[in-house]
């Protein structure tokens, strides 16, 4: 049971790090898509270009922030888990 929890947590940290990395890599494309969707649904398809740029940058920044937090938490937890596993074996 102890090994299952250690390796399960290790797998969780790997998945969290990978998802955070993917979120960071695709943040610009996802931010643009979300801004375009907002423009179509909320504003009826037309908006001032400066306001659209601000909305697009906001969506991109939120994706970068979420991806960065996921990546940092996953990677730091992964390092801690690897340290803990190596400490048990030595």
PDB file of N, CA and C in Angstrom:
ATOM      1  N   UNK A   1       0.826  -1.194   0.000  1.00  0.00           N
ATOM      2  CA  UNK A   1       0.000   0.000   0.000  1.00  0.00           C
ATOM      3  C   UNK A   1       0.868   1.254   0.000  1.00  0.00           C
ATOM      4  N   UNK A   2       1.988   1.177   0.728  1.00  0.00           N
ATOM      5  CA  UNK A   2       2.888   2.323   0.802  1.00  0.00           C
ATOM      6  C   UNK A   2       3.506   2.623  -0.567  1.00  0.00           C
ATOM      7  N   UNK A   3       3.880   1.557  -1.283  1.00  0.00           N
ATOM      8  CA  UNK A   3       4.468   1.749  -2.603  1.00  0.00           C
ATOM      9  C   UNK A   3       3.441   2.267  -3.598  1.00  0.00           C
ATOM     10  N   UNK A   4       2.207   1.820  -3.445  1.00  0.00           N
ATOM     11  CA  UNK A   4       1.142   2.290  -4.328  1.00  0.00           C
ATOM     12  C   UNK A   4       0.913   3.784  -4.154  1.00  0.00           C
ATOM     13  N   UNK A   5       0.949   4.263  -2.922  1.00  0.00           N
ATOM     14  CA  UNK A   5       0.759   5.697  -2.683  1.00  0.00           C
ATOM     15  C   UNK A   5       1.938   6.502  -3.220  1.00  0.00           C
ATOM     16  N   UNK A   6       3.161   5.994  -3.024  1.00  0.00           N
ATOM     17  CA  UNK A   6       4.335   6.716  -3.517  1.00  0.00           C
ATOM     18  C   UNK A   6       4.348   6.786  -5.038  1.00  0.00           C
ATOM     19  N   UNK A   7       4.144   5.636  -5.672  1.00  0.00           N
ATOM     20  CA  UNK A   7       4.196   5.625  -7.128  1.00  0.00           C
ATOM     21  C   UNK A   7       2.949   6.239  -7.747  1.00  0.00           C
ATOM     22  N   UNK A   8       1.827   6.176  -7.068  1.00  0.00           N
ATOM     23  CA  UNK A   8       0.623   6.859  -7.537  1.00  0.00           C
ATOM     24  C   UNK A   8       0.808   8.362  -7.508  1.00  0.00           C
ATOM     25  N   UNK A   9       1.411   8.865  -6.436  1.00  0.00           N
ATOM     26  CA  UNK A   9       1.698  10.296  -6.347  1.00  0.00           C
ATOM     27  C   UNK A   9       2.733  10.705  -7.386  1.00  0.00           C
ATOM     28  N   UNK A  10       3.709   9.840  -7.633  1.00  0.00           N
ATOM     29  CA  UNK A  10       4.707  10.112  -8.664  1.00  0.00           C
ATOM     30  C   UNK A  10       4.046  10.219 -10.032  1.00  0.00           C
ATOM     31  N   UNK A  11       3.138   9.314 -10.325  1.00  0.00           N
ATOM     32  CA  UNK A  11       2.415   9.358 -11.597  1.00  0.00           C
ATOM     33  C   UNK A  11       1.561  10.620 -11.693  1.00  0.00           C
ATOM     34  N   UNK A  12       0.918  10.992 -10.588  1.00  0.00           N
ATOM     35  CA  UNK A  12       0.109  12.212 -10.571  1.00  0.00           C
ATOM     36  C   UNK A  12       0.959  13.446 -10.853  1.00  0.00           C
ATOM     37  N   UNK A  13       2.151  13.510 -10.263  1.00  0.00           N
ATOM     38  CA  UNK A  13       3.011  14.672 -10.487  1.00  0.00           C
ATOM     39  C   UNK A  13       3.512  14.728 -11.924  1.00  0.00           C
ATOM     40  N   UNK A  14       3.780  13.572 -12.514  1.00  0.00           N
ATOM     41  CA  UNK A  14       4.205  13.542 -13.917  1.00  0.00           C
ATOM     42  C   UNK A  14       3.086  14.046 -14.813  1.00  0.00           C
ATOM     43  N   UNK A  15       1.865  13.593 -14.565  1.00  0.00           N
ATOM     44  CA  UNK A  15       0.720  14.033 -15.367  1.00  0.00           C
ATOM     45  C   UNK A  15       0.471  15.524 -15.172  1.00  0.00           C
ATOM     46  N   UNK A  16       0.552  16.004 -13.938  1.00  0.00           N
ATOM     47  CA  UNK A  16       0.334  17.426 -13.666  1.00  0.00           C
ATOM     48  C   UNK A  16       1.397  18.287 -14.348  1.00  0.00           C
ATOM     49  N   UNK A  17       2.640  17.859 -14.316  1.00  0.00           N
ATOM     50  CA  UNK A  17       3.711  18.592 -14.982  1.00  0.00           C
ATOM     51  C   UNK A  17       3.500  18.609 -16.488  1.00  0.00           C
ATOM     52  N   UNK A  18       3.124  17.481 -17.047  1.00  0.00           N
ATOM     53  CA  UNK A  18       2.896  17.385 -18.488  1.00  0.00           C
ATOM     54  C   UNK A  18       1.725  18.261 -18.921  1.00  0.00           C
ATOM     55  N   UNK A  19       0.635  18.247 -18.150  1.00  0.00           N
ATOM     56  CA  UNK A  19      -0.517  19.086 -18.487  1.00  0.00           C
ATOM     57  C   UNK A  19      -0.184  20.575 -18.359  1.00  0.00           C
ATOM     58  N   UNK A  20       0.590  20.938 -17.362  1.00  0.00           N
ATOM     59  CA  UNK A  20       1.024  22.323 -17.224  1.00  0.00           C
ATOM     60  C   UNK A  20       1.900  22.758 -18.384  1.00  0.00           C
ATOM     61  N   UNK A  21       2.779  21.871 -18.823  1.00  0.00           N
ATOM     62  CA  UNK A  21       3.632  22.167 -19.974  1.00  0.00           C
ATOM     63  C   UNK A  21       2.796  22.357 -21.234  1.00  0.00           C
ATOM     64  N   UNK A  22       1.834  21.475 -21.452  1.00  0.00           N
ATOM     65  CA  UNK A  22       0.962  21.617 -22.622  1.00  0.00           C
ATOM     66  C   UNK A  22       0.145  22.899 -22.562  1.00  0.00           C
ATOM     67  N   UNK A  23      -0.320  23.249 -21.376  1.00  0.00           N
ATOM     68  CA  UNK A  23      -1.086  24.488 -21.209  1.00  0.00           C
ATOM     69  C   UNK A  23      -0.211  25.697 -21.534  1.00  0.00           C
ATOM     70  N   UNK A  24       1.048  25.665 -21.125  1.00  0.00           N
ATOM     71  CA  UNK A  24       1.963  26.760 -21.442  1.00  0.00           C
ATOM     72  C   UNK A  24       2.247  26.848 -22.939  1.00  0.00           C
ATOM     73  N   UNK A  25       2.483  25.716 -23.568  1.00  0.00           N
ATOM     74  CA  UNK A  25       2.810  25.702 -24.991  1.00  0.00           C
ATOM     75  C   UNK A  25       1.638  26.195 -25.833  1.00  0.00           C
ATOM     76  N   UNK A  26       0.425  25.802 -25.482  1.00  0.00           N
ATOM     77  CA  UNK A  26      -0.757  26.150 -26.270  1.00  0.00           C
ATOM     78  C   UNK A  26      -1.497  27.371 -25.741  1.00  0.00           C
ATOM     79  N   UNK A  27      -0.883  28.149 -24.868  1.00  0.00           N
ATOM     80  CA  UNK A  27      -1.601  29.255 -24.232  1.00  0.00           C
ATOM     81  C   UNK A  27      -1.987  30.353 -25.214  1.00  0.00           C
ATOM     82  N   UNK A  28      -1.139  30.654 -26.178  1.00  0.00           N
ATOM     83  CA  UNK A  28      -1.454  31.718 -27.134  1.00  0.00           C
ATOM     84  C   UNK A  28      -2.605  31.296 -28.042  1.00  0.00           C
ATOM     85  N   UNK A  29      -2.524  30.092 -28.564  1.00  0.00           N
ATOM     86  CA  UNK A  29      -3.596  29.608 -29.445  1.00  0.00           C
ATOM     87  C   UNK A  29      -4.923  29.500 -28.695  1.00  0.00           C
ATOM     88  N   UNK A  30      -4.885  28.964 -27.486  1.00  0.00           N
ATOM     89  CA  UNK A  30      -6.115  28.853 -26.694  1.00  0.00           C
ATOM     90  C   UNK A  30      -6.658  30.223 -26.313  1.00  0.00           C
ATOM     91  N   UNK A  31      -5.775  31.174 -25.997  1.00  0.00           N
ATOM     92  CA  UNK A  31      -6.205  32.524 -25.659  1.00  0.00           C
ATOM     93  C   UNK A  31      -6.883  33.213 -26.828  1.00  0.00           C
ATOM     94  N   UNK A  32      -6.322  33.055 -28.008  1.00  0.00           N
ATOM     95  CA  UNK A  32      -6.949  33.635 -29.206  1.00  0.00           C
ATOM     96  C   UNK A  32      -8.299  32.996 -29.487  1.00  0.00           C
ATOM     97  N   UNK A  33      -8.362  31.684 -29.361  1.00  0.00           N
ATOM     98  CA  UNK A  33      -9.637  31.001 -29.607  1.00  0.00           C
ATOM     99  C   UNK A  33     -10.706  31.437 -28.611  1.00  0.00           C
ATOM    100  N   UNK A  34     -10.339  31.567 -27.351  1.00  0.00           N
ATOM    101  CA  UNK A  34     -11.305  32.005 -26.343  1.00  0.00           C
ATOM    102  C   UNK A  34     -11.749  33.446 -26.577  1.00  0.00           C
ATOM    103  N   UNK A  35     -10.819  34.308 -26.999  1.00  0.00           N
ATOM    104  CA  UNK A  35     -11.185  35.696 -27.290  1.00  0.00           C
ATOM    105  C   UNK A  35     -12.105  35.770 -28.504  1.00  0.00           C
ATOM    106  N   UNK A  36     -11.832  34.971 -29.526  1.00  0.00           N
ATOM    107  CA  UNK A  36     -12.712  34.941 -30.702  1.00  0.00           C
ATOM    108  C   UNK A  36     -14.100  34.421 -30.338  1.00  0.00           C
ATOM    109  N   UNK A  37     -14.147  33.411 -29.483  1.00  0.00           N
ATOM    110  CA  UNK A  37     -15.440  32.879 -29.042  1.00  0.00           C
ATOM    111  C   UNK A  37     -16.210  33.926 -28.237  1.00  0.00           C
ATOM    112  N   UNK A  38     -15.519  34.659 -27.394  1.00  0.00           N
ATOM    113  CA  UNK A  38     -16.155  35.731 -26.630  1.00  0.00           C
ATOM    114  C   UNK A  38     -16.697  36.805 -27.566  1.00  0.00           C
ATOM    115  N   UNK A  39     -15.925  37.140 -28.583  1.00  0.00           N
ATOM    116  CA  UNK A  39     -16.353  38.157 -29.544  1.00  0.00           C
ATOM    117  C   UNK A  39     -17.607  37.714 -30.287  1.00  0.00           C
ATOM    118  N   UNK A  40     -17.637  36.464 -30.698  1.00  0.00           N
ATOM    119  CA  UNK A  40     -18.805  35.961 -31.434  1.00  0.00           C
ATOM    120  C   UNK A  40     -20.047  35.888 -30.566  1.00  0.00           C
ATOM    121  N   UNK A  41     -19.901  35.388 -29.348  1.00  0.00           N
ATOM    122  CA  UNK A  41     -21.081  35.144 -28.514  1.00  0.00           C
ATOM    123  C   UNK A  41     -21.569  36.389 -27.788  1.00  0.00           C
ATOM    124  N   UNK A  42     -20.660  37.135 -27.203  1.00  0.00           N
ATOM    125  CA  UNK A  42     -21.076  38.243 -26.342  1.00  0.00           C
ATOM    126  C   UNK A  42     -21.251  39.558 -27.086  1.00  0.00           C
ATOM    127  N   UNK A  43     -20.405  39.818 -28.038  1.00  0.00           N
ATOM    128  CA  UNK A  43     -20.406  41.128 -28.671  1.00  0.00           C
ATOM    129  C   UNK A  43     -21.068  41.122 -30.049  1.00  0.00           C
ATOM    130  N   UNK A  44     -21.581  40.027 -30.496  1.00  0.00           N
ATOM    131  CA  UNK A  44     -22.253  39.970 -31.789  1.00  0.00           C
ATOM    132  C   UNK A  44     -21.316  39.993 -32.978  1.00  0.00           C
ATOM    133  N   UNK A  45     -20.040  39.786 -32.784  1.00  0.00           N
ATOM    134  CA  UNK A  45     -19.096  39.690 -33.887  1.00  0.00           C
ATOM    135  C   UNK A  45     -18.342  40.963 -34.195  1.00  0.00           C
ATOM    136  N   UNK A  46     -18.628  42.056 -33.522  1.00  0.00           N
ATOM    137  CA  UNK A  46     -17.889  43.296 -33.799  1.00  0.00           C
ATOM    138  C   UNK A  46     -17.450  43.943 -32.490  1.00  0.00           C
ATOM    139  N   UNK A  47     -16.231  44.475 -32.524  1.00  0.00           N
ATOM    140  CA  UNK A  47     -15.667  45.103 -31.331  1.00  0.00           C
ATOM    141  C   UNK A  47     -14.520  46.001 -31.768  1.00  0.00           C
ATOM    142  N   UNK A  48     -14.215  46.982 -30.964  1.00  0.00           N
ATOM    143  CA  UNK A  48     -13.058  47.838 -31.185  1.00  0.00           C
ATOM    144  C   UNK A  48     -11.790  46.984 -31.088  1.00  0.00           C
ATOM    145  N   UNK A  49     -10.818  47.233 -31.965  1.00  0.00           N
ATOM    146  CA  UNK A  49      -9.622  46.389 -32.007  1.00  0.00           C
ATOM    147  C   UNK A  49      -8.785  46.508 -30.735  1.00  0.00           C
ATOM    148  N   UNK A  50      -8.764  47.676 -30.109  1.00  0.00           N
ATOM    149  CA  UNK A  50      -8.004  47.818 -28.860  1.00  0.00           C
ATOM    150  C   UNK A  50      -8.620  46.993 -27.733  1.00  0.00           C
ATOM    151  N   UNK A  51      -9.928  47.008 -27.641  1.00  0.00           N
ATOM    152  CA  UNK A  51     -10.601  46.196 -26.621  1.00  0.00           C
ATOM    153  C   UNK A  51     -10.401  44.712 -26.879  1.00  0.00           C
ATOM    154  N   UNK A  52     -10.439  44.313 -28.152  1.00  0.00           N
ATOM    155  CA  UNK A  52     -10.224  42.909 -28.487  1.00  0.00           C
ATOM    156  C   UNK A  52      -8.803  42.484 -28.129  1.00  0.00           C
ATOM    157  N   UNK A  53      -7.832  43.363 -28.358  1.00  0.00           N
ATOM    158  CA  UNK A  53      -6.444  43.057 -28.002  1.00  0.00           C
ATOM    159  C   UNK A  53      -6.302  42.880 -26.495  1.00  0.00           C
ATOM    160  N   UNK A  54      -6.959  43.738 -25.726  1.00  0.00           N
ATOM    161  CA  UNK A  54      -6.901  43.641 -24.264  1.00  0.00           C
ATOM    162  C   UNK A  54      -7.531  42.337 -23.789  1.00  0.00           C
ATOM    163  N   UNK A  55      -8.664  41.963 -24.371  1.00  0.00           N
ATOM    164  CA  UNK A  55      -9.327  40.707 -23.999  1.00  0.00           C
ATOM    165  C   UNK A  55      -8.459  39.515 -24.381  1.00  0.00           C
ATOM    166  N   UNK A  56      -7.861  39.567 -25.574  1.00  0.00           N
ATOM    167  CA  UNK A  56      -6.991  38.475 -26.015  1.00  0.00           C
ATOM    168  C   UNK A  56      -5.790  38.327 -25.082  1.00  0.00           C
ATOM    169  N   UNK A  57      -5.158  39.434 -24.733  1.00  0.00           N
ATOM    170  CA  UNK A  57      -4.015  39.374 -23.820  1.00  0.00           C
ATOM    171  C   UNK A  57      -4.420  38.859 -22.444  1.00  0.00           C
ATOM    172  N   UNK A  58      -5.623  39.193 -22.008  1.00  0.00           N
ATOM    173  CA  UNK A  58      -6.109  38.687 -20.723  1.00  0.00           C
ATOM    174  C   UNK A  58      -6.297  37.184 -20.732  1.00  0.00           C
ATOM    175  N   UNK A  59      -6.888  36.675 -21.814  1.00  0.00           N
ATOM    176  CA  UNK A  59      -7.061  35.224 -21.916  1.00  0.00           C
ATOM    177  C   UNK A  59      -5.713  34.512 -22.013  1.00  0.00           C
ATOM    178  N   UNK A  60      -4.788  35.079 -22.774  1.00  0.00           N
ATOM    179  CA  UNK A  60      -3.464  34.468 -22.892  1.00  0.00           C
ATOM    180  C   UNK A  60      -2.755  34.475 -21.540  1.00  0.00           C
ATOM    181  N   UNK A  61      -2.833  35.592 -20.834  1.00  0.00           N
ATOM    182  CA  UNK A  61      -2.189  35.688 -19.518  1.00  0.00           C
ATOM    183  C   UNK A  61      -2.790  34.703 -18.522  1.00  0.00           C
ATOM    184  N   UNK A  62      -4.103  34.521 -18.567  1.00  0.00           N
ATOM    185  CA  UNK A  62      -4.717  33.559 -17.644  1.00  0.00           C
ATOM    186  C   UNK A  62      -4.279  32.134 -17.969  1.00  0.00           C
ATOM    187  N   UNK A  63      -4.130  31.812 -19.259  1.00  0.00           N
ATOM    188  CA  UNK A  63      -3.647  30.483 -19.631  1.00  0.00           C
ATOM    189  C   UNK A  63      -2.190  30.283 -19.229  1.00  0.00           C
ATOM    190  N   UNK A  64      -1.369  31.314 -19.404  1.00  0.00           N
ATOM    191  CA  UNK A  64       0.040  31.218 -19.007  1.00  0.00           C
ATOM    192  C   UNK A  64       0.162  31.058 -17.495  1.00  0.00           C
ATOM    193  N   UNK A  65      -0.645  31.803 -16.755  1.00  0.00           N
ATOM    194  CA  UNK A  65      -0.605  31.713 -15.291  1.00  0.00           C
ATOM    195  C   UNK A  65      -1.019  30.326 -14.815  1.00  0.00           C
ATOM    196  N   UNK A  66      -2.128  29.826 -15.345  1.00  0.00           N
ATOM    197  CA  UNK A  66      -2.593  28.493 -14.948  1.00  0.00           C
ATOM    198  C   UNK A  66      -1.581  27.421 -15.333  1.00  0.00           C
ATOM    199  N   UNK A  67      -1.050  27.492 -16.546  1.00  0.00           N
ATOM    200  CA  UNK A  67      -0.049  26.519 -16.978  1.00  0.00           C
ATOM    201  C   UNK A  67       1.220  26.591 -16.156  1.00  0.00           C
ATOM    202  N   UNK A  68       1.647  27.808 -15.823  1.00  0.00           N
ATOM    203  CA  UNK A  68       2.851  27.969 -15.012  1.00  0.00           C
ATOM    204  C   UNK A  68       2.690  27.418 -13.611  1.00  0.00           C
ATOM    205  N   UNK A  69       1.536  27.667 -13.015  1.00  0.00           N
ATOM    206  CA  UNK A  69       1.277  27.140 -11.669  1.00  0.00           C
ATOM    207  C   UNK A  69       1.226  25.616 -11.699  1.00  0.00           C
ATOM    208  N   UNK A  70       0.517  25.059 -12.680  1.00  0.00           N
ATOM    209  CA  UNK A  70       0.443  23.599 -12.786  1.00  0.00           C
ATOM    210  C   UNK A  70       1.826  22.997 -13.005  1.00  0.00           C
ATOM    211  N   UNK A  71       2.617  23.607 -13.879  1.00  0.00           N
ATOM    212  CA  UNK A  71       3.952  23.102 -14.177  1.00  0.00           C
ATOM    213  C   UNK A  71       4.858  23.198 -12.959  1.00  0.00           C
ATOM    214  N   UNK A  72       4.831  24.330 -12.265  1.00  0.00           N
ATOM    215  CA  UNK A  72       5.690  24.521 -11.096  1.00  0.00           C
ATOM    216  C   UNK A  72       5.317  23.569  -9.966  1.00  0.00           C
ATOM    217  N   UNK A  73       4.030  23.464  -9.673  1.00  0.00           N
ATOM    218  CA  UNK A  73       3.592  22.574  -8.593  1.00  0.00           C
ATOM    219  C   UNK A  73       3.901  21.122  -8.946  1.00  0.00           C
ATOM    220  N   UNK A  74       3.630  20.743 -10.192  1.00  0.00           N
ATOM    221  CA  UNK A  74       3.911  19.374 -10.612  1.00  0.00           C
ATOM    222  C   UNK A  74       5.384  19.046 -10.570  1.00  0.00           C
ATOM    223  N   UNK A  75       6.217  19.972 -11.056  1.00  0.00           N
ATOM    224  CA  UNK A  75       7.653  19.716 -11.097  1.00  0.00           C
ATOM    225  C   UNK A  75       8.273  19.703  -9.703  1.00  0.00           C
ATOM    226  N   UNK A  76       7.854  20.617  -8.848  1.00  0.00           N
ATOM    227  CA  UNK A  76       8.405  20.616  -7.491  1.00  0.00           C
ATOM    228  C   UNK A  76       7.933  19.389  -6.710  1.00  0.00           C
ATOM    229  N   UNK A  77       6.686  18.983  -6.902  1.00  0.00           N
ATOM    230  CA  UNK A  77       6.199  17.763  -6.247  1.00  0.00           C
ATOM    231  C   UNK A  77       6.903  16.532  -6.796  1.00  0.00           C
ATOM    232  N   UNK A  78       7.194  16.537  -8.090  1.00  0.00           N
ATOM    233  CA  UNK A  78       7.927  15.434  -8.706  1.00  0.00           C
ATOM    234  C   UNK A  78       9.323  15.320  -8.104  1.00  0.00           C
ATOM    235  N   UNK A  79      10.008  16.446  -7.965  1.00  0.00           N
ATOM    236  CA  UNK A  79      11.354  16.427  -7.375  1.00  0.00           C
ATOM    237  C   UNK A  79      11.311  15.941  -5.926  1.00  0.00           C
ATOM    238  N   UNK A  80      10.322  16.391  -5.168  1.00  0.00           N
ATOM    239  CA  UNK A  80      10.186  15.943  -3.785  1.00  0.00           C
ATOM    240  C   UNK A  80       9.905  14.444  -3.726  1.00  0.00           C
ATOM    241  N   UNK A  81       9.073  13.959  -4.626  1.00  0.00           N
ATOM    242  CA  UNK A  81       8.723  12.536  -4.643  1.00  0.00           C
ATOM    243  C   UNK A  81       9.938  11.684  -5.013  1.00  0.00           C
ATOM    244  N   UNK A  82      10.714  12.125  -5.987  1.00  0.00           N
ATOM    245  CA  UNK A  82      11.927  11.399  -6.367  1.00  0.00           C
ATOM    246  C   UNK A  82      12.921  11.387  -5.205  1.00  0.00           C
ATOM    247  N   UNK A  83      13.061  12.518  -4.523  1.00  0.00           N
ATOM    248  CA  UNK A  83      13.945  12.588  -3.355  1.00  0.00           C
ATOM    249  C   UNK A  83      13.494  11.605  -2.282  1.00  0.00           C
ATOM    250  N   UNK A  84      12.190  11.554  -2.051  1.00  0.00           N
ATOM    251  CA  UNK A  84      11.649  10.666  -1.024  1.00  0.00           C
ATOM    252  C   UNK A  84      11.866   9.197  -1.389  1.00  0.00           C
ATOM    253  N   UNK A  85      11.694   8.863  -2.657  1.00  0.00           N
ATOM    254  CA  UNK A  85      11.891   7.478  -3.097  1.00  0.00           C
ATOM    255  C   UNK A  85      13.366   7.089  -2.979  1.00  0.00           C
ATOM    256  N   UNK A  86      14.285   7.971  -3.411  1.00  0.00           N
ATOM    257  CA  UNK A  86      15.710   7.667  -3.292  1.00  0.00           C
ATOM    258  C   UNK A  86      16.147   7.571  -1.840  1.00  0.00           C
ATOM    259  N   UNK A  87      15.540   8.359  -0.979  1.00  0.00           N
ATOM    260  CA  UNK A  87      15.875   8.317   0.441  1.00  0.00           C
ATOM    261  C   UNK A  87      15.448   6.983   1.058  1.00  0.00           C
ATOM    262  N   UNK A  88      14.322   6.432   0.601  1.00  0.00           N
ATOM    263  CA  UNK A  88      13.863   5.139   1.122  1.00  0.00           C
ATOM    264  C   UNK A  88      14.769   3.999   0.688  1.00  0.00           C
ATOM    265  N   UNK A  89      15.309   4.073  -0.537  1.00  0.00           N
ATOM    266  CA  UNK A  89      16.121   2.982  -1.050  1.00  0.00           C
ATOM    267  C   UNK A  89      17.548   2.998  -0.513  1.00  0.00           C
ATOM    268  N   UNK A  90      17.991   4.125   0.004  1.00  0.00           N
ATOM    269  CA  UNK A  90      19.377   4.161   0.494  1.00  0.00           C
ATOM    270  C   UNK A  90      19.467   4.027   1.998  1.00  0.00           C
TER     271      UNK A  90
END
